[in-house]
Amino acid sequence: MHLLKYTHGWTRRHFLEQVAKGIVAAGVLAPLIDVIANHGEITKAYPDELLSIEAYTRGRLKAGDTLSAENVDLVKELLDPGTYFEIKEDQRIARLRETTTDVYKLNPKPYLDATFRNKGHAMFDRNGIVVTRDGKPWIGGNPFPDAKTAQELAAAASMSWGRWDTTFYPVGHHLTDAEGNLVYYYEFIWTEVQTTGRVAVEPIPNIPGQTDKLRYVANFVLSPTDFHGTNILQVWQYDARQFPLFYVFLPQFHRTRTFPSTQRFEPIVPGSNLFFTDTWFVGDPYATWGNFKLVAKGPILAAVANNWNGELPNWEGPRCGGKKGNKYYVVDYELVPEALVFEMDPVKYPRAPYSKKRIYSDARTGQPTNMIAYDRAGKPWKAWEQTYGVYEKNGHRVPATGPYPYWSWQQAHMLDLQSGVAGSFTHLPSLGAGWPDHFNDPKAMDFCTVEALARYGEA
């Protein structure tokens, strides 16, 4: 008889003991970041049972199966409470796939290369701001790939959201009520430009004269007609204790107004259940939150790869769940061998409707995958999920040529656990002429000005 050294019971105890000791460092058989840096993949860091859903469940589930209400209890411990509810109670389904072991399918190559190149150069200064060892703004990649604290996890997630130097996302946003009725359908552009921590687009690692800033974020509402031209610009300061500047062009008044940046707990578009604070999970400057703590470690099921539908019109896949079968996208889940789960409180937001966020982060990349936001009474309120993958599948690829395919988010879900209202988002190839999806484009900065808000708001 062959006895497995690293059984389910052993790994579970291992993770529980590490959390009890406050140990964030990832990897079971070896330090994860060292394994990835040396091999570009993860198998030498984990036992077999953490690299296969079939091995983990002792054959009760396998890649290719459909996860549904009938079998979800087999893996309840691998799901955040929101996802478990969606599948168990709200008729959501998901496909299961094999675990991704190649880390370059989990984040952009330039970002990962910068992570390995700059490993060990990041620190917090006396004000809690991420800087290099010589006190300068961060130089690119994940500043804490071998994070030791929950604060480092939060800072790393906030420093570069989309993990490209510039991004330009056409987005379709469905909002359904508890009965499954479509309440809103929005189309908007979301664009980001990193000014510091740049890894691929010159100037690298920062834009001269802009090192006091972290990023620009602009979004342009294209439809429905009632809200067309409602455009927003955020200017993020590098000092994460400061709130972003917040400009809004209101087409009905033909003018741009400055909004309070503390208004982070407001919908990104009218009626949406996604707040600005929710975007990319750590949607506010990380030093405006606090009481960071690691609350769990261990495997999870998450949609971290293979979720691009490049062969389908508008890249929009099938939907499922709810009373009318339209609340969620059908996505691919896989066994993530190790997630780092941390909580943080809105310490600089005395009127915040949230009491805390619990964020699930893939230990291999530091990429957040799921979040539960709690109301002021401490009850679960909203469940946020993003799916990811490279844009290469079934003979389709973006870009068509080049050294590496695109990597990005692909679908997202925000469920109000208390009301049943669901927001779902999909990453589209374009929104008409002049609004195509693209990344690492130096011209993206042209959209991140107050003048651009008005120019496109009046168009």
Protein backbone atom coordinates (compact mmCIF):
# COMPACT_ATOMS: atom_id res chain seq x y z
CA MET A 1 0.00 0.00 0.00
CA HIS A 2 1.27 3.46 -0.95
CA LEU A 3 0.62 6.02 1.77
CA LEU A 4 0.39 9.67 0.80
CA LYS A 5 2.45 11.94 3.02
CA TYR A 6 0.50 15.09 2.18
CA THR A 7 -3.11 14.03 2.64
CA HIS A 8 -6.16 16.30 2.82
CA GLY A 9 -5.97 16.24 6.61
CA TRP A 10 -2.29 17.14 6.60
CA THR A 11 -2.62 20.12 4.29
CA ARG A 12 -5.70 21.39 6.10
CA ARG A 13 -3.84 21.30 9.43
CA HIS A 14 -0.84 22.95 7.79
CA PHE A 15 -2.90 25.94 6.63
CA LEU A 16 -4.78 26.26 9.92
CA GLU A 17 -1.54 26.26 11.89
CA GLN A 18 -0.06 28.94 9.63
CA VAL A 19 -3.10 31.20 10.01
CA ALA A 20 -3.04 30.75 13.78
CA LYS A 21 0.59 31.94 13.72
CA GLY A 22 -0.19 34.79 11.32
CA ILE A 23 2.07 33.32 8.62
CA VAL A 24 1.17 34.71 5.19
CA ALA A 25 4.07 33.26 3.18
CA ALA A 26 2.79 30.92 0.44
CA GLY A 27 3.88 27.46 -0.65
CA VAL A 28 3.62 24.06 1.05
CA LEU A 29 6.55 22.00 -0.21
CA ALA A 30 8.76 25.02 -0.92
CA PRO A 31 8.47 28.83 -0.91
CA LEU A 32 6.08 29.61 -3.74
CA ILE A 33 7.79 32.71 -5.10
CA ASP A 34 11.12 30.89 -5.38
CA VAL A 35 9.53 27.98 -7.23
CA ILE A 36 7.78 30.32 -9.66
CA ALA A 37 10.86 32.47 -10.26
CA ASN A 38 12.97 29.39 -10.98
CA HIS A 39 10.51 27.35 -13.01
CA GLY A 40 7.67 29.64 -14.18
CA GLU A 41 5.17 27.15 -12.80
CA ILE A 42 3.95 25.95 -9.42
CA THR A 43 4.00 22.15 -9.19
CA LYS A 44 7.11 21.92 -7.01
CA ALA A 45 5.42 24.10 -4.36
CA TYR A 46 2.34 21.90 -3.72
CA PRO A 47 1.40 18.26 -3.18
CA ASP A 48 -0.69 16.48 -5.81
CA GLU A 49 -3.96 16.85 -3.89
CA LEU A 50 -3.74 20.64 -4.23
CA LEU A 51 -3.10 20.52 -7.97
CA SER A 52 -6.17 18.58 -9.08
CA ILE A 53 -9.84 18.85 -8.19
CA GLU A 54 -10.12 15.12 -8.91
CA ALA A 55 -7.37 14.30 -6.42
CA TYR A 56 -8.74 16.76 -3.88
CA THR A 57 -12.25 15.26 -3.99
CA ARG A 58 -10.97 11.67 -4.31
CA GLY A 59 -12.59 11.31 -7.71
CA ARG A 60 -16.03 12.65 -6.79
CA LEU A 61 -15.50 15.65 -9.09
CA LYS A 62 -13.15 16.10 -12.02
CA ALA A 63 -12.25 18.57 -14.76
CA GLY A 64 -15.07 18.65 -17.29
CA ASP A 65 -17.82 18.22 -14.70
CA THR A 66 -20.49 20.84 -14.10
CA LEU A 67 -20.72 22.29 -10.61
CA SER A 68 -24.35 22.73 -9.56
CA ALA A 69 -26.69 22.65 -6.58
CA GLU A 70 -26.64 18.84 -6.72
CA ASN A 71 -22.90 18.48 -6.06
CA VAL A 72 -21.70 21.81 -4.66
CA ASP A 73 -21.68 20.54 -1.07
CA LEU A 74 -18.75 18.29 -2.02
CA VAL A 75 -16.62 21.43 -2.28
CA LYS A 76 -18.42 23.87 0.02
CA GLU A 77 -15.19 24.50 1.95
CA LEU A 78 -13.54 25.69 -1.28
CA LEU A 79 -16.07 28.45 -1.98
CA ASP A 80 -16.65 31.86 -0.48
CA PRO A 81 -20.15 32.24 1.05
CA GLY A 82 -21.43 34.29 -1.88
CA THR A 83 -20.48 31.81 -4.58
CA TYR A 84 -21.78 28.91 -2.51
CA PHE A 85 -25.16 30.65 -2.15
CA GLU A 86 -25.33 31.44 -5.87
CA ILE A 87 -24.80 27.80 -6.80
CA LYS A 88 -26.72 26.13 -3.98
CA GLU A 89 -29.72 28.45 -3.78
CA ASP A 90 -29.82 30.54 -6.96
CA GLN A 91 -29.40 27.95 -9.73
CA ARG A 92 -25.96 29.11 -10.83
CA ILE A 93 -23.73 26.54 -12.54
CA ALA A 94 -20.03 26.52 -13.42
CA ARG A 95 -17.69 24.32 -15.39
CA LEU A 96 -14.74 22.66 -13.68
CA ARG A 97 -11.34 22.63 -15.37
CA GLU A 98 -7.83 21.48 -14.57
CA THR A 99 -5.59 23.61 -12.34
CA THR A 100 -3.41 26.10 -14.20
CA THR A 101 0.23 25.51 -13.30
CA ASP A 102 1.88 27.96 -15.75
CA VAL A 103 1.96 31.29 -13.93
CA TYR A 104 2.24 33.18 -17.24
CA LYS A 105 -1.38 32.24 -17.92
CA LEU A 106 -2.41 33.93 -14.68
CA ASN A 107 -1.00 37.46 -15.15
CA PRO A 108 0.60 39.55 -17.91
CA LYS A 109 4.15 38.54 -18.82
CA PRO A 110 5.66 42.06 -18.50
CA TYR A 111 4.15 42.44 -15.05
CA LEU A 112 5.42 39.05 -13.87
CA ASP A 113 8.88 39.63 -15.33
CA ALA A 114 9.06 42.95 -13.46
CA THR A 115 7.87 41.19 -10.29
CA PHE A 116 10.76 38.73 -10.41
CA ARG A 117 13.28 41.40 -11.45
CA ASN A 118 12.31 43.77 -8.64
CA LYS A 119 11.68 41.22 -5.89
CA GLY A 120 12.95 42.43 -2.53
CA HIS A 121 13.13 46.12 -3.47
CA ALA A 122 9.81 47.21 -1.90
CA MET A 123 9.08 48.43 1.61
CA PHE A 124 6.63 50.63 3.50
CA ASP A 125 7.93 54.03 4.52
CA ARG A 126 7.10 55.53 7.92
CA ASN A 127 3.73 56.70 6.56
CA GLY A 128 2.75 53.25 5.30
CA ILE A 129 3.38 54.07 1.61
CA VAL A 130 5.05 51.55 -0.71
CA VAL A 131 8.47 52.76 -1.86
CA THR A 132 11.74 51.24 -3.02
CA ARG A 133 14.56 50.62 -0.55
CA ASP A 134 16.00 54.04 -1.44
CA GLY A 135 12.68 55.76 -0.79
CA LYS A 136 11.53 56.30 -4.39
CA PRO A 137 8.16 55.42 -5.99
CA TRP A 138 7.66 51.77 -6.88
CA ILE A 139 9.39 50.52 -10.04
CA GLY A 140 6.94 47.90 -11.31
CA GLY A 141 5.46 44.46 -10.79
CA ASN A 142 4.04 43.06 -7.57
CA PRO A 143 5.92 44.83 -4.75
CA PHE A 144 5.23 41.98 -2.32
CA PRO A 145 5.14 38.66 -4.25
CA ASP A 146 6.18 36.90 -1.06
CA ALA A 147 3.83 38.92 1.15
CA LYS A 148 4.37 38.62 4.90
CA THR A 149 1.32 40.60 6.04
CA ALA A 150 -2.27 41.29 5.00
CA GLN A 151 -1.32 44.95 4.60
CA GLU A 152 1.20 43.93 1.92
CA LEU A 153 -1.48 41.89 0.14
CA ALA A 154 -3.84 44.87 0.07
CA ALA A 155 -1.16 47.31 -1.09
CA ALA A 156 0.00 45.00 -3.88
CA ALA A 157 -3.57 44.55 -5.15
CA SER A 158 -4.12 48.32 -5.16
CA MET A 159 -0.85 49.41 -6.79
CA SER A 160 -1.70 48.08 -10.27
CA TRP A 161 -5.26 47.01 -10.91
CA GLY A 162 -5.26 45.66 -14.46
CA ARG A 163 -1.51 44.93 -14.34
CA TRP A 164 -0.85 46.64 -17.66
CA ASP A 165 0.57 50.14 -18.00
CA THR A 166 -2.59 51.25 -19.80
CA THR A 167 -5.93 49.53 -20.33
CA PHE A 168 -9.06 50.43 -22.29
CA TYR A 169 -12.00 48.17 -21.48
CA PRO A 170 -15.35 48.24 -23.34
CA VAL A 171 -17.84 46.92 -20.77
CA GLY A 172 -21.38 45.59 -20.94
CA HIS A 173 -23.22 45.73 -17.60
CA HIS A 174 -26.53 43.94 -16.92
CA LEU A 175 -28.46 44.69 -13.74
CA THR A 176 -31.29 42.32 -12.83
CA ASP A 177 -33.71 42.45 -9.93
CA ALA A 178 -34.49 39.56 -7.58
CA GLU A 179 -37.10 38.24 -10.05
CA GLY A 180 -34.58 38.15 -12.89
CA ASN A 181 -36.00 41.16 -14.72
CA LEU A 182 -33.45 43.28 -16.58
CA VAL A 183 -33.53 46.69 -14.89
CA TYR A 184 -30.59 48.34 -16.68
CA TYR A 185 -28.16 47.52 -19.43
CA TYR A 186 -25.16 49.83 -19.62
CA GLU A 187 -22.31 50.11 -22.06
CA PHE A 188 -19.31 52.10 -20.92
CA ILE A 189 -15.57 52.45 -21.33
CA TRP A 190 -13.24 52.01 -18.38
CA THR A 191 -9.64 53.09 -18.94
CA GLU A 192 -6.61 53.11 -16.63
CA VAL A 193 -3.17 54.68 -17.04
CA GLN A 194 -0.36 53.92 -14.61
CA THR A 195 1.96 56.86 -14.02
CA THR A 196 4.30 54.94 -11.70
CA GLY A 197 5.29 51.29 -11.59
CA ARG A 198 5.23 51.03 -15.39
CA VAL A 199 6.73 47.88 -16.89
CA ALA A 200 6.27 47.92 -20.68
CA VAL A 201 5.36 51.33 -22.12
CA GLU A 202 7.95 54.09 -22.18
CA PRO A 203 8.71 56.00 -20.11
CA ILE A 204 9.57 53.25 -17.61
CA PRO A 205 9.22 52.99 -14.60
CA ASN A 206 7.31 56.28 -14.32
CA ILE A 207 6.15 59.30 -16.29
CA PRO A 208 8.48 62.22 -15.51
CA GLY A 209 6.70 64.90 -13.52
CA GLN A 210 3.94 62.46 -12.52
CA THR A 211 5.62 60.52 -9.72
CA ASP A 212 3.30 62.18 -7.21
CA LYS A 213 0.48 60.20 -8.85
CA LEU A 214 -0.26 56.48 -9.10
CA ARG A 215 -2.83 56.28 -11.91
CA TYR A 216 -5.57 57.95 -13.87
CA VAL A 217 -8.95 56.21 -14.19
CA ALA A 218 -11.58 57.45 -16.64
CA ASN A 219 -14.95 56.02 -17.63
CA PHE A 220 -17.36 57.09 -20.35
CA VAL A 221 -21.01 56.02 -20.40
CA LEU A 222 -22.14 55.34 -23.97
CA SER A 223 -25.60 53.86 -23.38
CA PRO A 224 -28.45 53.97 -22.48
CA THR A 225 -29.25 57.34 -24.05
CA ASP A 226 -30.50 58.80 -20.77
CA PHE A 227 -27.00 58.54 -19.28
CA HIS A 228 -24.86 58.92 -22.40
CA GLY A 229 -22.03 61.37 -21.77
CA THR A 230 -21.94 60.96 -17.99
CA ASN A 231 -18.16 60.72 -17.75
CA ILE A 232 -15.88 60.41 -14.74
CA LEU A 233 -12.17 60.96 -14.13
CA GLN A 234 -10.26 59.94 -11.02
CA VAL A 235 -6.71 61.12 -10.42
CA TRP A 236 -5.02 58.87 -7.87
CA GLN A 237 -2.24 60.28 -5.74
CA TYR A 238 0.82 58.15 -5.08
CA ASP A 239 0.44 58.90 -1.38
CA ALA A 240 -2.16 56.27 -0.52
CA ARG A 241 -3.35 58.28 2.47
CA GLN A 242 -4.90 60.80 0.09
CA PHE A 243 -8.24 60.45 -1.68
CA PRO A 244 -8.27 60.60 -5.49
CA LEU A 245 -9.43 63.75 -7.23
CA PHE A 246 -12.88 63.12 -8.66
CA TYR A 247 -14.26 64.94 -11.74
CA VAL A 248 -17.69 64.26 -13.30
CA PHE A 249 -19.06 65.66 -16.56
CA LEU A 250 -22.85 65.94 -16.44
CA PRO A 251 -24.26 66.28 -19.97
CA GLN A 252 -27.59 67.72 -18.79
CA PHE A 253 -25.68 70.70 -17.36
CA HIS A 254 -22.91 70.78 -20.01
CA ARG A 255 -20.30 71.17 -17.34
CA THR A 256 -17.73 69.29 -15.29
CA ARG A 257 -18.05 69.24 -11.54
CA THR A 258 -15.72 68.18 -8.77
CA PHE A 259 -17.24 65.52 -6.54
CA PRO A 260 -16.14 64.63 -2.99
CA SER A 261 -13.61 61.81 -3.29
CA THR A 262 -14.90 60.34 -0.05
CA GLN A 263 -18.00 59.43 -2.07
CA ARG A 264 -16.44 56.05 -2.83
CA PHE A 265 -19.52 54.11 -1.74
CA GLU A 266 -21.64 55.25 -4.67
CA PRO A 267 -22.62 53.30 -7.82
CA ILE A 268 -20.19 53.48 -10.75
CA VAL A 269 -23.23 54.15 -12.97
CA PRO A 270 -26.73 55.14 -11.79
CA GLY A 271 -28.63 52.20 -10.33
CA SER A 272 -25.69 49.79 -10.33
CA ASN A 273 -24.92 47.75 -7.22
CA LEU A 274 -21.16 48.04 -7.87
CA PHE A 275 -19.57 50.90 -5.94
CA PHE A 276 -16.31 52.65 -6.79
CA THR A 277 -14.81 51.13 -3.65
CA ASP A 278 -15.54 47.64 -5.04
CA THR A 279 -13.63 48.00 -8.31
CA TRP A 280 -10.74 45.56 -8.49
CA PHE A 281 -11.65 44.66 -4.86
CA VAL A 282 -9.24 47.24 -3.41
CA GLY A 283 -10.96 50.19 -5.06
CA ASP A 284 -9.69 52.85 -2.68
CA PRO A 285 -6.18 53.97 -1.72
CA TYR A 286 -4.98 51.16 0.55
CA ALA A 287 -3.89 53.48 3.39
CA THR A 288 -7.46 54.76 3.75
CA TRP A 289 -8.33 51.26 5.02
CA GLY A 290 -6.84 49.53 8.04
CA ASN A 291 -7.01 46.77 10.64
CA PHE A 292 -5.61 44.39 8.02
CA LYS A 293 -5.55 40.77 9.10
CA LEU A 294 -5.10 37.34 7.58
CA VAL A 295 -8.16 35.22 8.35
CA ALA A 296 -7.66 32.08 6.26
CA LYS A 297 -5.31 30.16 3.96
CA GLY A 298 -5.93 27.17 1.78
CA PRO A 299 -7.30 25.98 -1.55
CA ILE A 300 -10.32 27.58 -3.19
CA LEU A 301 -12.30 27.23 -6.39
CA ALA A 302 -12.05 30.38 -8.52
CA ALA A 303 -12.32 31.50 -12.14
CA VAL A 304 -8.69 32.46 -12.73
CA ALA A 305 -8.13 31.14 -16.26
CA ASN A 306 -9.79 30.09 -19.54
CA ASN A 307 -12.80 32.40 -19.34
CA TRP A 308 -12.42 34.22 -22.66
CA ASN A 309 -15.11 33.45 -25.23
CA GLY A 310 -13.19 34.73 -28.25
CA GLU A 311 -15.09 32.54 -30.72
CA LEU A 312 -18.47 34.02 -29.68
CA PRO A 313 -20.05 37.32 -30.81
CA ASN A 314 -18.97 40.15 -28.51
CA TRP A 315 -17.04 37.56 -26.46
CA GLU A 316 -20.22 37.11 -24.43
CA GLY A 317 -20.80 33.60 -23.14
CA PRO A 318 -23.93 31.78 -21.94
CA ARG A 319 -25.80 32.87 -18.84
CA CYS A 320 -27.46 30.97 -16.02
CA GLY A 321 -29.07 31.24 -12.61
CA GLY A 322 -31.93 33.08 -11.01
CA LYS A 323 -35.59 32.69 -11.82
CA LYS A 324 -35.07 33.51 -15.51
CA GLY A 325 -31.66 31.93 -16.07
CA ASN A 326 -29.92 35.26 -16.71
CA LYS A 327 -28.22 36.44 -13.49
CA TYR A 328 -24.71 35.04 -13.99
CA TYR A 329 -22.30 34.04 -16.71
CA VAL A 330 -21.31 30.39 -17.01
CA VAL A 331 -17.58 30.40 -16.24
CA ASP A 332 -14.74 27.96 -15.62
CA TYR A 333 -13.65 27.29 -12.05
CA GLU A 334 -10.45 25.52 -11.11
CA LEU A 335 -8.75 24.44 -7.92
CA VAL A 336 -6.45 27.24 -6.80
CA PRO A 337 -3.95 25.43 -4.57
CA GLU A 338 -3.55 28.29 -2.12
CA ALA A 339 -5.54 31.43 -1.47
CA LEU A 340 -4.70 34.11 1.07
CA VAL A 341 -7.88 35.51 2.65
CA PHE A 342 -7.62 38.84 4.42
CA GLU A 343 -9.93 41.42 5.92
CA MET A 344 -9.70 45.19 6.15
CA ASP A 345 -11.86 47.93 7.65
CA PRO A 346 -12.77 51.38 6.18
CA VAL A 347 -10.95 53.34 8.88
CA LYS A 348 -10.93 56.67 6.98
CA TYR A 349 -14.61 56.45 5.99
CA PRO A 350 -16.73 57.16 9.10
CA ARG A 351 -19.97 57.00 7.09
CA ALA A 352 -19.11 53.93 5.05
CA PRO A 353 -22.00 51.48 4.64
CA TYR A 354 -19.45 48.65 4.86
CA SER A 355 -18.01 47.48 8.16
CA LYS A 356 -15.29 45.44 6.43
CA LYS A 357 -14.25 43.59 3.28
CA ARG A 358 -13.07 40.00 3.17
CA ILE A 359 -10.91 39.45 0.07
CA TYR A 360 -9.77 36.14 -1.43
CA SER A 361 -6.43 36.43 -3.22
CA ASP A 362 -4.67 33.84 -5.41
CA ALA A 363 -1.33 33.26 -3.68
CA ARG A 364 0.42 32.57 -6.99
CA THR A 365 -0.04 36.13 -8.25
CA GLY A 366 -1.63 38.15 -5.45
CA GLN A 367 -4.62 38.61 -7.79
CA PRO A 368 -7.91 39.00 -5.88
CA THR A 369 -10.66 36.67 -7.10
CA ASN A 370 -13.63 37.13 -4.73
CA MET A 371 -14.84 39.48 -2.02
CA ILE A 372 -17.57 39.61 0.60
CA ALA A 373 -18.53 43.10 1.78
CA TYR A 374 -20.26 43.28 5.17
CA ASP A 375 -22.85 45.86 6.21
CA ARG A 376 -22.53 48.02 9.30
CA ALA A 377 -24.24 45.33 11.38
CA GLY A 378 -21.53 42.84 10.35
CA LYS A 379 -23.80 40.80 8.06
CA PRO A 380 -22.70 39.65 4.57
CA TRP A 381 -24.09 42.16 2.09
CA LYS A 382 -22.44 41.90 -1.32
CA ALA A 383 -20.49 39.18 -3.12
CA TRP A 384 -18.07 40.37 -5.83
CA GLU A 385 -16.26 38.10 -8.27
CA GLN A 386 -13.96 38.69 -11.25
CA THR A 387 -12.88 36.06 -13.76
CA TYR A 388 -9.61 36.08 -15.68
CA GLY A 389 -7.61 34.44 -18.41
CA VAL A 390 -5.39 34.88 -21.44
CA TYR A 391 -7.09 35.87 -24.68
CA GLU A 392 -6.06 32.75 -26.56
CA LYS A 393 -8.48 29.89 -27.09
CA ASN A 394 -9.70 27.52 -29.83
CA GLY A 395 -7.55 29.11 -32.52
CA HIS A 396 -8.46 32.70 -31.58
CA ARG A 397 -5.91 35.10 -30.08
CA VAL A 398 -5.61 38.75 -29.06
CA PRO A 399 -3.40 40.28 -30.28
CA ALA A 400 -3.27 38.14 -33.44
CA THR A 401 0.53 38.33 -33.44
CA GLY A 402 3.14 39.32 -30.90
CA PRO A 403 5.31 37.79 -28.19
CA TYR A 404 2.46 36.98 -25.82
CA PRO A 405 -1.36 37.03 -25.74
CA TYR A 406 -3.43 39.51 -23.83
CA TRP A 407 -4.36 38.70 -20.22
CA SER A 408 -7.25 40.45 -18.50
CA TRP A 409 -10.51 40.16 -16.60
CA GLN A 410 -13.32 38.61 -18.63
CA GLN A 411 -16.56 38.54 -16.61
CA ALA A 412 -17.58 39.87 -13.21
CA HIS A 413 -20.52 39.47 -10.84
CA MET A 414 -21.87 41.55 -7.97
CA LEU A 415 -24.71 39.94 -6.03
CA ASP A 416 -26.59 41.79 -3.32
CA LEU A 417 -27.07 38.90 -0.89
CA GLN A 418 -29.79 40.76 0.99
CA SER A 419 -31.98 42.00 -1.89
CA GLY A 420 -31.16 39.51 -4.65
CA VAL A 421 -30.23 42.27 -7.11
CA ALA A 422 -27.40 41.09 -9.37
CA GLY A 423 -24.96 43.01 -11.52
CA SER A 424 -23.04 41.13 -14.20
CA PHE A 425 -20.29 42.54 -16.36
CA THR A 426 -18.55 41.34 -19.50
CA HIS A 427 -15.39 42.52 -21.24
CA LEU A 428 -16.37 43.33 -24.84
CA PRO A 429 -14.15 43.57 -27.95
CA SER A 430 -15.46 47.06 -28.78
CA LEU A 431 -18.32 49.49 -28.42
CA GLY A 432 -18.65 50.83 -31.94
CA ALA A 433 -16.15 52.78 -34.01
CA GLY A 434 -13.47 54.46 -31.95
CA TRP A 435 -13.96 52.40 -28.81
CA PRO A 436 -12.03 49.12 -29.27
CA ASP A 437 -10.48 47.10 -26.46
CA HIS A 438 -6.71 47.67 -26.25
CA PHE A 439 -3.85 47.76 -23.79
CA ASN A 440 -0.39 49.30 -23.37
CA ASP A 441 -1.37 52.14 -25.70
CA PRO A 442 0.53 55.40 -25.02
CA LYS A 443 -2.43 57.34 -26.45
CA ALA A 444 -4.72 56.17 -23.63
CA MET A 445 -3.62 59.20 -21.64
CA ASP A 446 -5.58 61.37 -24.11
CA PHE A 447 -8.78 60.06 -22.49
CA CYS A 448 -7.67 60.81 -18.94
CA THR A 449 -8.14 64.57 -18.86
CA VAL A 450 -10.89 66.88 -17.72
CA GLU A 451 -11.12 68.19 -21.30
CA ALA A 452 -11.75 64.65 -22.59
CA LEU A 453 -14.71 64.27 -20.22
CA ALA A 454 -16.43 67.21 -21.85
CA ARG A 455 -15.32 66.39 -25.39
CA TYR A 456 -16.80 62.90 -25.31
CA GLY A 457 -19.70 63.96 -23.13
CA GLU A 458 -20.92 66.39 -25.78
CA ALA A 459 -20.33 63.97 -28.69
